[in-house]
Amino acid sequence: MTQAATIKIVFFGRPADRFGGERMIDGPQGGLRMSDLRRRIAITADGGDILLDPAIRGAVDGVECDDDAWVSPGQEAAFFSIFSGG
């Protein structure tokens, strides 16, 4: 039997409007890819489909990453809107 481990997820921009600032989820003990984390939230959270929008970026431990990046228990995943600025 595989044990679950808690992963902290923080949200900024449009995702924060939907989910608030952060939430904790149970993930596999060995971690998972950002793409799997996106899908898991999209399926289980009300309004989670926002994370499937390609304009929503991801980061692990404060470093922007693609969907192949690995998120392990104890790391922080983030989802955020692409911001424009001058």
N, C-alpha and C. Protein backbone atom coordinates (compact mmCIF):
# COMPACT_ATOMS: atom_id res chain seq x y z
N MET A 1 0.84 -1.19 0.00
CA MET A 1 0.00 0.00 0.00
C MET A 1 0.89 1.24 0.00
N THR A 2 0.62 2.18 -0.89
CA THR A 2 1.39 3.40 -1.02
C THR A 2 0.84 4.46 -0.08
N GLN A 3 1.72 5.11 0.68
CA GLN A 3 1.29 6.16 1.58
C GLN A 3 1.23 7.49 0.83
N ALA A 4 0.32 8.35 1.28
CA ALA A 4 0.21 9.68 0.69
C ALA A 4 1.07 10.65 1.49
N ALA A 5 1.48 11.72 0.83
CA ALA A 5 2.26 12.78 1.47
C ALA A 5 1.64 14.12 1.09
N THR A 6 1.69 15.06 1.99
CA THR A 6 1.08 16.36 1.76
C THR A 6 1.99 17.26 0.94
N ILE A 7 1.38 17.93 -0.03
CA ILE A 7 2.07 18.91 -0.86
C ILE A 7 1.36 20.25 -0.69
N LYS A 8 2.14 21.29 -0.42
CA LYS A 8 1.58 22.65 -0.29
C LYS A 8 1.53 23.28 -1.66
N ILE A 9 0.38 23.87 -1.98
CA ILE A 9 0.19 24.55 -3.26
C ILE A 9 -0.24 25.98 -2.96
N VAL A 10 0.43 26.93 -3.60
CA VAL A 10 0.05 28.34 -3.46
C VAL A 10 -0.43 28.85 -4.81
N PHE A 11 -1.33 29.81 -4.76
CA PHE A 11 -1.95 30.35 -5.96
C PHE A 11 -1.81 31.87 -5.99
N PHE A 12 -1.60 32.41 -7.20
CA PHE A 12 -1.49 33.85 -7.41
C PHE A 12 -2.31 34.23 -8.63
N GLY A 13 -2.78 35.47 -8.68
CA GLY A 13 -3.54 35.95 -9.84
C GLY A 13 -4.88 35.25 -9.95
N ARG A 14 -5.27 34.91 -11.18
CA ARG A 14 -6.56 34.27 -11.42
C ARG A 14 -6.77 32.99 -10.62
N PRO A 15 -5.76 32.11 -10.50
CA PRO A 15 -5.98 30.92 -9.67
C PRO A 15 -6.28 31.27 -8.21
N ALA A 16 -5.65 32.31 -7.67
CA ALA A 16 -5.94 32.73 -6.29
C ALA A 16 -7.37 33.23 -6.15
N ASP A 17 -7.89 33.85 -7.22
CA ASP A 17 -9.29 34.29 -7.19
C ASP A 17 -10.23 33.10 -7.04
N ARG A 18 -9.86 31.96 -7.60
CA ARG A 18 -10.69 30.75 -7.52
C ARG A 18 -10.47 29.95 -6.24
N PHE A 19 -9.21 29.82 -5.81
CA PHE A 19 -8.87 28.87 -4.74
C PHE A 19 -8.43 29.52 -3.44
N GLY A 20 -8.23 30.83 -3.43
CA GLY A 20 -7.63 31.46 -2.26
C GLY A 20 -6.11 31.38 -2.39
N GLY A 21 -5.41 31.70 -1.33
CA GLY A 21 -3.96 31.79 -1.38
C GLY A 21 -3.22 30.47 -1.40
N GLU A 22 -3.74 29.47 -0.68
CA GLU A 22 -3.03 28.19 -0.66
C GLU A 22 -3.96 27.07 -0.24
N ARG A 23 -3.50 25.86 -0.50
CA ARG A 23 -4.19 24.67 -0.03
C ARG A 23 -3.18 23.54 0.05
N MET A 24 -3.51 22.55 0.82
CA MET A 24 -2.68 21.36 0.98
C MET A 24 -3.43 20.20 0.33
N ILE A 25 -2.70 19.37 -0.39
CA ILE A 25 -3.32 18.18 -0.96
C ILE A 25 -2.46 16.96 -0.63
N ASP A 26 -3.11 15.82 -0.61
CA ASP A 26 -2.38 14.57 -0.45
C ASP A 26 -1.94 14.09 -1.82
N GLY A 27 -0.67 13.79 -1.93
CA GLY A 27 -0.11 13.26 -3.17
C GLY A 27 0.65 11.98 -2.86
N PRO A 28 1.16 11.32 -3.86
CA PRO A 28 1.92 10.10 -3.62
C PRO A 28 3.22 10.38 -2.87
N GLN A 29 3.65 9.44 -2.08
CA GLN A 29 4.87 9.58 -1.27
C GLN A 29 6.07 9.95 -2.12
N GLY A 30 6.16 9.43 -3.35
CA GLY A 30 7.29 9.71 -4.22
C GLY A 30 7.17 10.99 -5.02
N GLY A 31 6.05 11.70 -4.89
CA GLY A 31 5.84 12.93 -5.64
C GLY A 31 5.11 12.69 -6.95
N LEU A 32 4.99 13.73 -7.75
CA LEU A 32 4.30 13.65 -9.03
C LEU A 32 4.72 14.80 -9.93
N ARG A 33 4.43 14.69 -11.21
CA ARG A 33 4.74 15.76 -12.17
C ARG A 33 3.74 16.90 -11.99
N MET A 34 4.18 18.10 -12.37
CA MET A 34 3.28 19.27 -12.33
C MET A 34 2.04 19.02 -13.16
N SER A 35 2.18 18.36 -14.31
CA SER A 35 1.01 18.09 -15.15
C SER A 35 -0.01 17.23 -14.41
N ASP A 36 0.47 16.26 -13.63
CA ASP A 36 -0.44 15.40 -12.86
C ASP A 36 -1.09 16.19 -11.73
N LEU A 37 -0.33 17.09 -11.12
CA LEU A 37 -0.88 17.93 -10.07
C LEU A 37 -1.97 18.84 -10.63
N ARG A 38 -1.71 19.44 -11.79
CA ARG A 38 -2.73 20.28 -12.46
C ARG A 38 -4.02 19.49 -12.67
N ARG A 39 -3.87 18.30 -13.26
CA ARG A 39 -5.06 17.47 -13.55
C ARG A 39 -5.79 17.07 -12.29
N ARG A 40 -5.05 16.72 -11.26
CA ARG A 40 -5.67 16.31 -10.00
C ARG A 40 -6.53 17.43 -9.44
N ILE A 41 -6.01 18.66 -9.44
CA ILE A 41 -6.79 19.79 -8.94
C ILE A 41 -7.95 20.09 -9.87
N ALA A 42 -7.72 20.02 -11.18
CA ALA A 42 -8.79 20.31 -12.15
C ALA A 42 -9.97 19.36 -11.97
N ILE A 43 -9.70 18.12 -11.64
CA ILE A 43 -10.76 17.12 -11.48
C ILE A 43 -11.46 17.25 -10.14
N THR A 44 -10.72 17.58 -9.08
CA THR A 44 -11.30 17.51 -7.74
C THR A 44 -11.79 18.84 -7.18
N ALA A 45 -11.31 19.95 -7.69
CA ALA A 45 -11.68 21.25 -7.11
C ALA A 45 -12.72 21.96 -7.97
N ASP A 46 -13.67 22.59 -7.31
CA ASP A 46 -14.65 23.40 -8.01
C ASP A 46 -13.91 24.54 -8.72
N GLY A 47 -14.09 24.66 -10.01
CA GLY A 47 -13.41 25.69 -10.79
C GLY A 47 -11.98 25.33 -11.13
N GLY A 48 -11.58 24.08 -10.87
CA GLY A 48 -10.21 23.66 -11.10
C GLY A 48 -9.77 23.67 -12.53
N ASP A 49 -10.73 23.70 -13.46
CA ASP A 49 -10.38 23.70 -14.88
C ASP A 49 -9.55 24.92 -15.28
N ILE A 50 -9.52 25.96 -14.46
CA ILE A 50 -8.69 27.13 -14.76
C ILE A 50 -7.22 26.72 -14.89
N LEU A 51 -6.80 25.71 -14.15
CA LEU A 51 -5.39 25.30 -14.19
C LEU A 51 -5.02 24.62 -15.51
N LEU A 52 -6.00 24.26 -16.32
CA LEU A 52 -5.73 23.65 -17.62
C LEU A 52 -5.50 24.69 -18.70
N ASP A 53 -5.73 25.95 -18.37
CA ASP A 53 -5.48 27.05 -19.30
C ASP A 53 -3.97 27.20 -19.48
N PRO A 54 -3.47 27.17 -20.73
CA PRO A 54 -2.03 27.28 -20.95
C PRO A 54 -1.42 28.59 -20.45
N ALA A 55 -2.25 29.61 -20.20
CA ALA A 55 -1.74 30.88 -19.69
C ALA A 55 -1.41 30.80 -18.20
N ILE A 56 -1.82 29.74 -17.53
CA ILE A 56 -1.50 29.56 -16.11
C ILE A 56 -0.19 28.80 -16.02
N ARG A 57 0.79 29.44 -15.41
CA ARG A 57 2.14 28.88 -15.30
C ARG A 57 2.31 28.17 -13.96
N GLY A 58 3.39 27.42 -13.84
CA GLY A 58 3.67 26.70 -12.61
C GLY A 58 5.09 26.96 -12.13
N ALA A 59 5.31 26.70 -10.85
CA ALA A 59 6.64 26.83 -10.26
C ALA A 59 6.77 25.79 -9.15
N VAL A 60 8.01 25.38 -8.91
CA VAL A 60 8.33 24.50 -7.78
C VAL A 60 9.41 25.21 -6.97
N ASP A 61 9.13 25.38 -5.70
CA ASP A 61 10.04 26.08 -4.78
C ASP A 61 10.49 27.43 -5.34
N GLY A 62 9.55 28.17 -5.93
CA GLY A 62 9.82 29.53 -6.39
C GLY A 62 10.49 29.64 -7.74
N VAL A 63 10.71 28.52 -8.42
CA VAL A 63 11.37 28.53 -9.72
C VAL A 63 10.35 28.10 -10.78
N GLU A 64 10.09 28.99 -11.75
CA GLU A 64 9.15 28.66 -12.81
C GLU A 64 9.60 27.39 -13.53
N CYS A 65 8.64 26.55 -13.88
CA CYS A 65 8.97 25.26 -14.49
C CYS A 65 7.91 24.87 -15.50
N ASP A 66 8.22 23.84 -16.29
CA ASP A 66 7.23 23.30 -17.20
C ASP A 66 6.48 22.16 -16.52
N ASP A 67 5.54 21.58 -17.23
CA ASP A 67 4.69 20.54 -16.65
C ASP A 67 5.40 19.21 -16.43
N ASP A 68 6.62 19.06 -16.93
CA ASP A 68 7.38 17.83 -16.69
C ASP A 68 8.15 17.88 -15.37
N ALA A 69 8.19 19.04 -14.72
CA ALA A 69 8.92 19.17 -13.46
C ALA A 69 8.29 18.28 -12.39
N TRP A 70 9.12 17.79 -11.50
CA TRP A 70 8.71 16.88 -10.44
C TRP A 70 8.47 17.65 -9.15
N VAL A 71 7.37 17.34 -8.46
CA VAL A 71 7.05 17.95 -7.17
C VAL A 71 7.08 16.84 -6.13
N SER A 72 7.98 16.96 -5.17
CA SER A 72 8.11 15.97 -4.10
C SER A 72 7.49 16.50 -2.82
N PRO A 73 7.08 15.60 -1.93
CA PRO A 73 6.60 16.06 -0.63
C PRO A 73 7.65 16.95 0.03
N GLY A 74 7.17 18.01 0.66
CA GLY A 74 8.08 18.97 1.29
C GLY A 74 8.42 20.14 0.39
N GLN A 75 8.14 20.02 -0.90
CA GLN A 75 8.34 21.15 -1.80
C GLN A 75 7.04 21.95 -1.90
N GLU A 76 7.17 23.16 -2.42
CA GLU A 76 6.00 24.02 -2.61
C GLU A 76 5.75 24.18 -4.11
N ALA A 77 4.56 23.86 -4.53
CA ALA A 77 4.14 24.09 -5.92
C ALA A 77 3.32 25.37 -5.96
N ALA A 78 3.41 26.09 -7.08
CA ALA A 78 2.64 27.32 -7.24
C ALA A 78 2.04 27.36 -8.64
N PHE A 79 0.87 27.96 -8.73
CA PHE A 79 0.22 28.22 -10.02
C PHE A 79 -0.13 29.69 -10.06
N PHE A 80 0.13 30.32 -11.20
CA PHE A 80 -0.06 31.77 -11.29
C PHE A 80 -0.36 32.19 -12.72
N SER A 81 -1.03 33.34 -12.82
CA SER A 81 -1.31 33.94 -14.12
C SER A 81 -0.04 34.58 -14.66
N ILE A 82 0.04 34.66 -15.98
CA ILE A 82 1.10 35.43 -16.58
C ILE A 82 0.75 36.90 -16.41
N PHE A 83 1.64 37.64 -15.80
CA PHE A 83 1.38 39.05 -15.54
C PHE A 83 2.09 39.89 -16.60
N SER A 84 1.47 40.97 -16.98
CA SER A 84 2.15 41.90 -17.87
C SER A 84 2.49 43.14 -17.06
N GLY A 85 3.52 43.77 -17.44
CA GLY A 85 3.91 44.96 -16.69
C GLY A 85 4.83 45.82 -17.52
N GLY A 86 5.14 46.96 -17.00
CA GLY A 86 5.99 47.88 -17.73
C GLY A 86 7.16 48.31 -16.94
